[in-house]
Amino acid sequence: SGGIGVAMALVSGLSAHRGRNNGQV
């Protein structure tokens, strides 16, 4: 919450998915 980087991970893309106006984790 203070803007400090705490972790990083490798990702791959997922297909398009609509309706995520606020984002989702």
mmCIF file of all heavy atoms, coordinates in Angstrom:
data_MODEL
# 
_entry.id   MODEL 
# 
loop_
_atom_site.group_PDB 
_atom_site.id 
_atom_site.type_symbol 
_atom_site.label_atom_id 
_atom_site.label_alt_id 
_atom_site.label_comp_id 
_atom_site.label_asym_id 
_atom_site.label_entity_id 
_atom_site.label_seq_id 
_atom_site.pdbx_PDB_ins_code 
_atom_site.Cartn_x 
_atom_site.Cartn_y 
_atom_site.Cartn_z 
_atom_site.occupancy 
_atom_site.B_iso_or_equiv 
_atom_site.pdbx_formal_charge 
_atom_site.auth_seq_id 
_atom_site.auth_comp_id 
_atom_site.auth_asym_id 
_atom_site.auth_atom_id 
_atom_site.pdbx_PDB_model_num 
ATOM 1   N N   . SER A 1 1  ? 0.814   -1.219  0.000   1.00 0.00 ? 1  SER A N   1 
ATOM 2   C CA  . SER A 1 1  ? 0.000   0.000   0.000   1.00 0.00 ? 1  SER A CA  1 
ATOM 3   C C   . SER A 1 1  ? 0.847   1.269   0.000   1.00 0.00 ? 1  SER A C   1 
ATOM 4   O O   . SER A 1 1  ? 0.370   2.333   -0.370  1.00 0.00 ? 1  SER A O   1 
ATOM 5   C CB  . SER A 1 1  ? -0.961  -0.004  1.186   1.00 0.00 ? 1  SER A CB  1 
ATOM 6   O OG  . SER A 1 1  ? -0.237  -0.086  2.397   1.00 0.00 ? 1  SER A OG  1 
ATOM 7   N N   . GLY A 1 2  ? 2.106   1.157   0.379   1.00 0.00 ? 2  GLY A N   1 
ATOM 8   C CA  . GLY A 1 2  ? 3.001   2.304   0.362   1.00 0.00 ? 2  GLY A CA  1 
ATOM 9   C C   . GLY A 1 2  ? 3.705   2.490   -0.978  1.00 0.00 ? 2  GLY A C   1 
ATOM 10  O O   . GLY A 1 2  ? 4.526   3.385   -1.129  1.00 0.00 ? 2  GLY A O   1 
ATOM 11  N N   . GLY A 1 3  ? 3.394   1.613   -1.958  1.00 0.00 ? 3  GLY A N   1 
ATOM 12  C CA  . GLY A 1 3  ? 3.995   1.731   -3.274  1.00 0.00 ? 3  GLY A CA  1 
ATOM 13  C C   . GLY A 1 3  ? 5.327   1.018   -3.420  1.00 0.00 ? 3  GLY A C   1 
ATOM 14  O O   . GLY A 1 3  ? 5.980   1.123   -4.456  1.00 0.00 ? 3  GLY A O   1 
ATOM 15  N N   . ILE A 1 4  ? 5.744   0.292   -2.402  1.00 0.00 ? 4  ILE A N   1 
ATOM 16  C CA  . ILE A 1 4  ? 7.024   -0.425  -2.429  1.00 0.00 ? 4  ILE A CA  1 
ATOM 17  C C   . ILE A 1 4  ? 6.847   -1.784  -3.102  1.00 0.00 ? 4  ILE A C   1 
ATOM 18  O O   . ILE A 1 4  ? 5.944   -2.539  -2.746  1.00 0.00 ? 4  ILE A O   1 
ATOM 19  C CB  . ILE A 1 4  ? 7.564   -0.648  -0.992  1.00 0.00 ? 4  ILE A CB  1 
ATOM 20  C CG1 . ILE A 1 4  ? 7.663   0.676   -0.239  1.00 0.00 ? 4  ILE A CG1 1 
ATOM 21  C CG2 . ILE A 1 4  ? 8.898   -1.389  -1.026  1.00 0.00 ? 4  ILE A CG2 1 
ATOM 22  C CD1 . ILE A 1 4  ? 8.597   1.680   -0.831  1.00 0.00 ? 4  ILE A CD1 1 
ATOM 23  N N   . GLY A 1 5  ? 7.719   -2.098  -4.054  1.00 0.00 ? 5  GLY A N   1 
ATOM 24  C CA  . GLY A 1 5  ? 7.677   -3.399  -4.715  1.00 0.00 ? 5  GLY A CA  1 
ATOM 25  C C   . GLY A 1 5  ? 8.030   -4.502  -3.731  1.00 0.00 ? 5  GLY A C   1 
ATOM 26  O O   . GLY A 1 5  ? 9.063   -4.434  -3.063  1.00 0.00 ? 5  GLY A O   1 
ATOM 27  N N   . VAL A 1 6  ? 7.148   -5.508  -3.607  1.00 0.00 ? 6  VAL A N   1 
ATOM 28  C CA  . VAL A 1 6  ? 7.375   -6.598  -2.655  1.00 0.00 ? 6  VAL A CA  1 
ATOM 29  C C   . VAL A 1 6  ? 7.550   -7.956  -3.319  1.00 0.00 ? 6  VAL A C   1 
ATOM 30  O O   . VAL A 1 6  ? 8.044   -8.882  -2.691  1.00 0.00 ? 6  VAL A O   1 
ATOM 31  C CB  . VAL A 1 6  ? 6.253   -6.660  -1.584  1.00 0.00 ? 6  VAL A CB  1 
ATOM 32  C CG1 . VAL A 1 6  ? 6.268   -5.405  -0.714  1.00 0.00 ? 6  VAL A CG1 1 
ATOM 33  C CG2 . VAL A 1 6  ? 4.889   -6.851  -2.217  1.00 0.00 ? 6  VAL A CG2 1 
ATOM 34  N N   . ALA A 1 7  ? 7.140   -8.095  -4.582  1.00 0.00 ? 7  ALA A N   1 
ATOM 35  C CA  . ALA A 1 7  ? 7.298   -9.374  -5.272  1.00 0.00 ? 7  ALA A CA  1 
ATOM 36  C C   . ALA A 1 7  ? 7.183   -9.175  -6.777  1.00 0.00 ? 7  ALA A C   1 
ATOM 37  O O   . ALA A 1 7  ? 6.567   -8.221  -7.251  1.00 0.00 ? 7  ALA A O   1 
ATOM 38  C CB  . ALA A 1 7  ? 6.255   -10.386 -4.800  1.00 0.00 ? 7  ALA A CB  1 
ATOM 39  N N   . MET A 1 8  ? 7.783   -10.129 -7.514  1.00 0.00 ? 8  MET A N   1 
ATOM 40  C CA  . MET A 1 8  ? 7.712   -10.143 -8.961  1.00 0.00 ? 8  MET A CA  1 
ATOM 41  C C   . MET A 1 8  ? 7.639   -11.608 -9.389  1.00 0.00 ? 8  MET A C   1 
ATOM 42  O O   . MET A 1 8  ? 8.255   -12.467 -8.770  1.00 0.00 ? 8  MET A O   1 
ATOM 43  C CB  . MET A 1 8  ? 8.959   -9.485  -9.561  1.00 0.00 ? 8  MET A CB  1 
ATOM 44  C CG  . MET A 1 8  ? 8.873   -9.325  -11.052 1.00 0.00 ? 8  MET A CG  1 
ATOM 45  S SD  . MET A 1 8  ? 10.309  -8.525  -11.832 1.00 0.00 ? 8  MET A SD  1 
ATOM 46  C CE  . MET A 1 8  ? 10.995  -7.478  -10.611 1.00 0.00 ? 8  MET A CE  1 
ATOM 47  N N   . ALA A 1 9  ? 6.861   -11.888 -10.433 1.00 0.00 ? 9  ALA A N   1 
ATOM 48  C CA  . ALA A 1 9  ? 6.720   -13.261 -10.913 1.00 0.00 ? 9  ALA A CA  1 
ATOM 49  C C   . ALA A 1 9  ? 6.571   -13.283 -12.427 1.00 0.00 ? 9  ALA A C   1 
ATOM 50  O O   . ALA A 1 9  ? 6.111   -12.301 -13.023 1.00 0.00 ? 9  ALA A O   1 
ATOM 51  C CB  . ALA A 1 9  ? 5.497   -13.918 -10.274 1.00 0.00 ? 9  ALA A CB  1 
ATOM 52  N N   . LEU A 1 10 ? 6.937   -14.380 -13.047 1.00 0.00 ? 10 LEU A N   1 
ATOM 53  C CA  . LEU A 1 10 ? 6.762   -14.554 -14.482 1.00 0.00 ? 10 LEU A CA  1 
ATOM 54  C C   . LEU A 1 10 ? 5.308   -14.863 -14.799 1.00 0.00 ? 10 LEU A C   1 
ATOM 55  O O   . LEU A 1 10 ? 4.642   -15.561 -14.028 1.00 0.00 ? 10 LEU A O   1 
ATOM 56  C CB  . LEU A 1 10 ? 7.648   -15.694 -14.990 1.00 0.00 ? 10 LEU A CB  1 
ATOM 57  C CG  . LEU A 1 10 ? 9.146   -15.449 -14.921 1.00 0.00 ? 10 LEU A CG  1 
ATOM 58  C CD1 . LEU A 1 10 ? 9.897   -16.705 -15.352 1.00 0.00 ? 10 LEU A CD1 1 
ATOM 59  C CD2 . LEU A 1 10 ? 9.541   -14.263 -15.768 1.00 0.00 ? 10 LEU A CD2 1 
ATOM 60  N N   . VAL A 1 11 ? 4.819   -14.332 -15.926 1.00 0.00 ? 11 VAL A N   1 
ATOM 61  C CA  . VAL A 1 11 ? 3.434   -14.556 -16.348 1.00 0.00 ? 11 VAL A CA  1 
ATOM 62  C C   . VAL A 1 11 ? 3.390   -14.912 -17.824 1.00 0.00 ? 11 VAL A C   1 
ATOM 63  O O   . VAL A 1 11 ? 4.321   -14.641 -18.574 1.00 0.00 ? 11 VAL A O   1 
ATOM 64  C CB  . VAL A 1 11 ? 2.531   -13.319 -16.109 1.00 0.00 ? 11 VAL A CB  1 
ATOM 65  C CG1 . VAL A 1 11 ? 2.430   -12.977 -14.646 1.00 0.00 ? 11 VAL A CG1 1 
ATOM 66  C CG2 . VAL A 1 11 ? 3.007   -12.124 -16.909 1.00 0.00 ? 11 VAL A CG2 1 
ATOM 67  N N   . SER A 1 12 ? 2.269   -15.503 -18.221 1.00 0.00 ? 12 SER A N   1 
ATOM 68  C CA  . SER A 1 12 ? 1.967   -15.710 -19.636 1.00 0.00 ? 12 SER A CA  1 
ATOM 69  C C   . SER A 1 12 ? 0.581   -15.130 -19.877 1.00 0.00 ? 12 SER A C   1 
ATOM 70  O O   . SER A 1 12 ? -0.214  -14.994 -18.950 1.00 0.00 ? 12 SER A O   1 
ATOM 71  C CB  . SER A 1 12 ? 2.023   -17.196 -19.999 1.00 0.00 ? 12 SER A CB  1 
ATOM 72  O OG  . SER A 1 12 ? 1.113   -17.925 -19.214 1.00 0.00 ? 12 SER A OG  1 
ATOM 73  N N   . GLY A 1 13 ? 0.289   -14.774 -21.127 1.00 0.00 ? 13 GLY A N   1 
ATOM 74  C CA  . GLY A 1 13 ? -0.984  -14.148 -21.455 1.00 0.00 ? 13 GLY A CA  1 
ATOM 75  C C   . GLY A 1 13 ? -2.146  -15.133 -21.419 1.00 0.00 ? 13 GLY A C   1 
ATOM 76  O O   . GLY A 1 13 ? -1.984  -16.320 -21.663 1.00 0.00 ? 13 GLY A O   1 
ATOM 77  N N   . LEU A 1 14 ? -3.324  -14.624 -21.083 1.00 0.00 ? 14 LEU A N   1 
ATOM 78  C CA  . LEU A 1 14 ? -4.572  -15.384 -21.124 1.00 0.00 ? 14 LEU A CA  1 
ATOM 79  C C   . LEU A 1 14 ? -5.466  -14.750 -22.180 1.00 0.00 ? 14 LEU A C   1 
ATOM 80  O O   . LEU A 1 14 ? -5.360  -13.558 -22.458 1.00 0.00 ? 14 LEU A O   1 
ATOM 81  C CB  . LEU A 1 14 ? -5.285  -15.338 -19.770 1.00 0.00 ? 14 LEU A CB  1 
ATOM 82  C CG  . LEU A 1 14 ? -4.625  -16.105 -18.636 1.00 0.00 ? 14 LEU A CG  1 
ATOM 83  C CD1 . LEU A 1 14 ? -5.315  -15.775 -17.313 1.00 0.00 ? 14 LEU A CD1 1 
ATOM 84  C CD2 . LEU A 1 14 ? -4.697  -17.593 -18.898 1.00 0.00 ? 14 LEU A CD2 1 
ATOM 85  N N   . SER A 1 15 ? -6.385  -15.516 -22.738 1.00 0.00 ? 15 SER A N   1 
ATOM 86  C CA  . SER A 1 15 ? -7.264  -14.993 -23.779 1.00 0.00 ? 15 SER A CA  1 
ATOM 87  C C   . SER A 1 15 ? -8.145  -13.864 -23.253 1.00 0.00 ? 15 SER A C   1 
ATOM 88  O O   . SER A 1 15 ? -8.350  -13.733 -22.050 1.00 0.00 ? 15 SER A O   1 
ATOM 89  C CB  . SER A 1 15 ? -8.128  -16.116 -24.352 1.00 0.00 ? 15 SER A CB  1 
ATOM 90  O OG  . SER A 1 15 ? -8.941  -16.660 -23.341 1.00 0.00 ? 15 SER A OG  1 
ATOM 91  N N   . ALA A 1 16 ? -8.655  -13.089 -24.169 1.00 0.00 ? 16 ALA A N   1 
ATOM 92  C CA  . ALA A 1 16 ? -9.488  -11.934 -23.823 1.00 0.00 ? 16 ALA A CA  1 
ATOM 93  C C   . ALA A 1 16 ? -10.690 -12.349 -22.992 1.00 0.00 ? 16 ALA A C   1 
ATOM 94  O O   . ALA A 1 16 ? -11.271 -13.403 -23.189 1.00 0.00 ? 16 ALA A O   1 
ATOM 95  C CB  . ALA A 1 16 ? -9.950  -11.232 -25.095 1.00 0.00 ? 16 ALA A CB  1 
ATOM 96  N N   . HIS A 1 17 ? -11.045 -11.503 -22.054 1.00 0.00 ? 17 HIS A N   1 
ATOM 97  C CA  . HIS A 1 17 ? -12.182 -11.761 -21.179 1.00 0.00 ? 17 HIS A CA  1 
ATOM 98  C C   . HIS A 1 17 ? -12.813 -10.408 -20.852 1.00 0.00 ? 17 HIS A C   1 
ATOM 99  O O   . HIS A 1 17 ? -12.170 -9.565  -20.255 1.00 0.00 ? 17 HIS A O   1 
ATOM 100 C CB  . HIS A 1 17 ? -11.681 -12.445 -19.906 1.00 0.00 ? 17 HIS A CB  1 
ATOM 101 C CG  . HIS A 1 17 ? -12.780 -13.100 -19.132 1.00 0.00 ? 17 HIS A CG  1 
ATOM 102 N ND1 . HIS A 1 17 ? -13.180 -14.374 -19.377 1.00 0.00 ? 17 HIS A ND1 1 
ATOM 103 C CD2 . HIS A 1 17 ? -13.545 -12.644 -18.130 1.00 0.00 ? 17 HIS A CD2 1 
ATOM 104 C CE1 . HIS A 1 17 ? -14.155 -14.683 -18.542 1.00 0.00 ? 17 HIS A CE1 1 
ATOM 105 N NE2 . HIS A 1 17 ? -14.396 -13.651 -17.777 1.00 0.00 ? 17 HIS A NE2 1 
ATOM 106 N N   . ARG A 1 18 ? -14.001 -10.207 -21.220 1.00 0.00 ? 18 ARG A N   1 
ATOM 107 C CA  . ARG A 1 18 ? -14.683 -8.912  -21.024 1.00 0.00 ? 18 ARG A CA  1 
ATOM 108 C C   . ARG A 1 18 ? -15.288 -8.790  -19.623 1.00 0.00 ? 18 ARG A C   1 
ATOM 109 O O   . ARG A 1 18 ? -15.458 -9.769  -18.921 1.00 0.00 ? 18 ARG A O   1 
ATOM 110 C CB  . ARG A 1 18 ? -15.801 -8.763  -22.052 1.00 0.00 ? 18 ARG A CB  1 
ATOM 111 C CG  . ARG A 1 18 ? -15.322 -8.921  -23.464 1.00 0.00 ? 18 ARG A CG  1 
ATOM 112 C CD  . ARG A 1 18 ? -14.640 -7.653  -23.927 1.00 0.00 ? 18 ARG A CD  1 
ATOM 113 N NE  . ARG A 1 18 ? -14.184 -7.834  -25.290 1.00 0.00 ? 18 ARG A NE  1 
ATOM 114 C CZ  . ARG A 1 18 ? -13.107 -7.263  -25.769 1.00 0.00 ? 18 ARG A CZ  1 
ATOM 115 N NH1 . ARG A 1 18 ? -12.380 -6.499  -25.010 1.00 0.00 ? 18 ARG A NH1 1 
ATOM 116 N NH2 . ARG A 1 18 ? -12.749 -7.455  -27.014 1.00 0.00 ? 18 ARG A NH2 1 
ATOM 117 N N   . GLY A 1 19 ? -15.660 -7.565  -19.264 1.00 0.00 ? 19 GLY A N   1 
ATOM 118 C CA  . GLY A 1 19 ? -16.392 -7.332  -18.022 1.00 0.00 ? 19 GLY A CA  1 
ATOM 119 C C   . GLY A 1 19 ? -15.536 -7.192  -16.791 1.00 0.00 ? 19 GLY A C   1 
ATOM 120 O O   . GLY A 1 19 ? -15.979 -7.439  -15.685 1.00 0.00 ? 19 GLY A O   1 
ATOM 121 N N   . ARG A 1 20 ? -14.306 -6.786  -16.945 1.00 0.00 ? 20 ARG A N   1 
ATOM 122 C CA  . ARG A 1 20 ? -13.407 -6.640  -15.803 1.00 0.00 ? 20 ARG A CA  1 
ATOM 123 C C   . ARG A 1 20 ? -13.114 -5.153  -15.550 1.00 0.00 ? 20 ARG A C   1 
ATOM 124 O O   . ARG A 1 20 ? -11.972 -4.764  -15.429 1.00 0.00 ? 20 ARG A O   1 
ATOM 125 C CB  . ARG A 1 20 ? -12.099 -7.374  -16.069 1.00 0.00 ? 20 ARG A CB  1 
ATOM 126 C CG  . ARG A 1 20 ? -12.257 -8.819  -16.424 1.00 0.00 ? 20 ARG A CG  1 
ATOM 127 C CD  . ARG A 1 20 ? -11.968 -9.672  -15.215 1.00 0.00 ? 20 ARG A CD  1 
ATOM 128 N NE  . ARG A 1 20 ? -11.945 -11.069 -15.609 1.00 0.00 ? 20 ARG A NE  1 
ATOM 129 C CZ  . ARG A 1 20 ? -12.792 -11.962 -15.160 1.00 0.00 ? 20 ARG A CZ  1 
ATOM 130 N NH1 . ARG A 1 20 ? -13.731 -11.615 -14.318 1.00 0.00 ? 20 ARG A NH1 1 
ATOM 131 N NH2 . ARG A 1 20 ? -12.704 -13.209 -15.534 1.00 0.00 ? 20 ARG A NH2 1 
ATOM 132 N N   . ASN A 1 21 ? -14.141 -4.336  -15.480 1.00 0.00 ? 21 ASN A N   1 
ATOM 133 C CA  . ASN A 1 21 ? -13.965 -2.891  -15.391 1.00 0.00 ? 21 ASN A CA  1 
ATOM 134 C C   . ASN A 1 21 ? -13.084 -2.446  -14.225 1.00 0.00 ? 21 ASN A C   1 
ATOM 135 O O   . ASN A 1 21 ? -12.378 -1.457  -14.334 1.00 0.00 ? 21 ASN A O   1 
ATOM 136 C CB  . ASN A 1 21 ? -15.319 -2.185  -15.300 1.00 0.00 ? 21 ASN A CB  1 
ATOM 137 C CG  . ASN A 1 21 ? -16.139 -2.367  -16.565 1.00 0.00 ? 21 ASN A CG  1 
ATOM 138 O OD1 . ASN A 1 21 ? -15.589 -2.637  -17.624 1.00 0.00 ? 21 ASN A OD1 1 
ATOM 139 N ND2 . ASN A 1 21 ? -17.440 -2.244  -16.436 1.00 0.00 ? 21 ASN A ND2 1 
ATOM 140 N N   . ASN A 1 22 ? -13.143 -3.143  -13.110 1.00 0.00 ? 22 ASN A N   1 
ATOM 141 C CA  . ASN A 1 22 ? -12.346 -2.767  -11.944 1.00 0.00 ? 22 ASN A CA  1 
ATOM 142 C C   . ASN A 1 22 ? -11.082 -3.588  -11.803 1.00 0.00 ? 22 ASN A C   1 
ATOM 143 O O   . ASN A 1 22 ? -10.313 -3.378  -10.886 1.00 0.00 ? 22 ASN A O   1 
ATOM 144 C CB  . ASN A 1 22 ? -13.174 -2.909  -10.662 1.00 0.00 ? 22 ASN A CB  1 
ATOM 145 C CG  . ASN A 1 22 ? -14.276 -1.885  -10.602 1.00 0.00 ? 22 ASN A CG  1 
ATOM 146 O OD1 . ASN A 1 22 ? -14.093 -0.743  -11.005 1.00 0.00 ? 22 ASN A OD1 1 
ATOM 147 N ND2 . ASN A 1 22 ? -15.427 -2.284  -10.127 1.00 0.00 ? 22 ASN A ND2 1 
ATOM 148 N N   . GLY A 1 23 ? -10.881 -4.553  -12.677 1.00 0.00 ? 23 GLY A N   1 
ATOM 149 C CA  . GLY A 1 23 ? -9.739  -5.447  -12.520 1.00 0.00 ? 23 GLY A CA  1 
ATOM 150 C C   . GLY A 1 23 ? -10.070 -6.556  -11.536 1.00 0.00 ? 23 GLY A C   1 
ATOM 151 O O   . GLY A 1 23 ? -11.018 -6.447  -10.754 1.00 0.00 ? 23 GLY A O   1 
ATOM 152 N N   . GLN A 1 24 ? -9.301  -7.608  -11.613 1.00 0.00 ? 24 GLN A N   1 
ATOM 153 C CA  . GLN A 1 24 ? -9.560  -8.759  -10.752 1.00 0.00 ? 24 GLN A CA  1 
ATOM 154 C C   . GLN A 1 24 ? -8.253  -9.511  -10.515 1.00 0.00 ? 24 GLN A C   1 
ATOM 155 O O   . GLN A 1 24 ? -7.399  -9.583  -11.401 1.00 0.00 ? 24 GLN A O   1 
ATOM 156 C CB  . GLN A 1 24 ? -10.567 -9.676  -11.437 1.00 0.00 ? 24 GLN A CB  1 
ATOM 157 C CG  . GLN A 1 24 ? -11.057 -10.815 -10.576 1.00 0.00 ? 24 GLN A CG  1 
ATOM 158 C CD  . GLN A 1 24 ? -12.136 -11.599 -11.291 1.00 0.00 ? 24 GLN A CD  1 
ATOM 159 O OE1 . GLN A 1 24 ? -11.955 -12.053 -12.414 1.00 0.00 ? 24 GLN A OE1 1 
ATOM 160 N NE2 . GLN A 1 24 ? -13.273 -11.767 -10.642 1.00 0.00 ? 24 GLN A NE2 1 
ATOM 161 N N   . VAL A 1 25 ? -8.111  -10.039 -9.316  1.00 0.00 ? 25 VAL A N   1 
ATOM 162 C CA  . VAL A 1 25 ? -6.961  -10.847 -8.950  1.00 0.00 ? 25 VAL A CA  1 
ATOM 163 C C   . VAL A 1 25 ? -7.507  -12.207 -8.533  1.00 0.00 ? 25 VAL A C   1 
ATOM 164 O O   . VAL A 1 25 ? -8.454  -12.286 -7.744  1.00 0.00 ? 25 VAL A O   1 
ATOM 165 C CB  . VAL A 1 25 ? -6.174  -10.191 -7.790  1.00 0.00 ? 25 VAL A CB  1 
ATOM 166 C CG1 . VAL A 1 25 ? -5.000  -11.047 -7.379  1.00 0.00 ? 25 VAL A CG1 1 
ATOM 167 C CG2 . VAL A 1 25 ? -5.706  -8.802  -8.190  1.00 0.00 ? 25 VAL A CG2 1 
# 
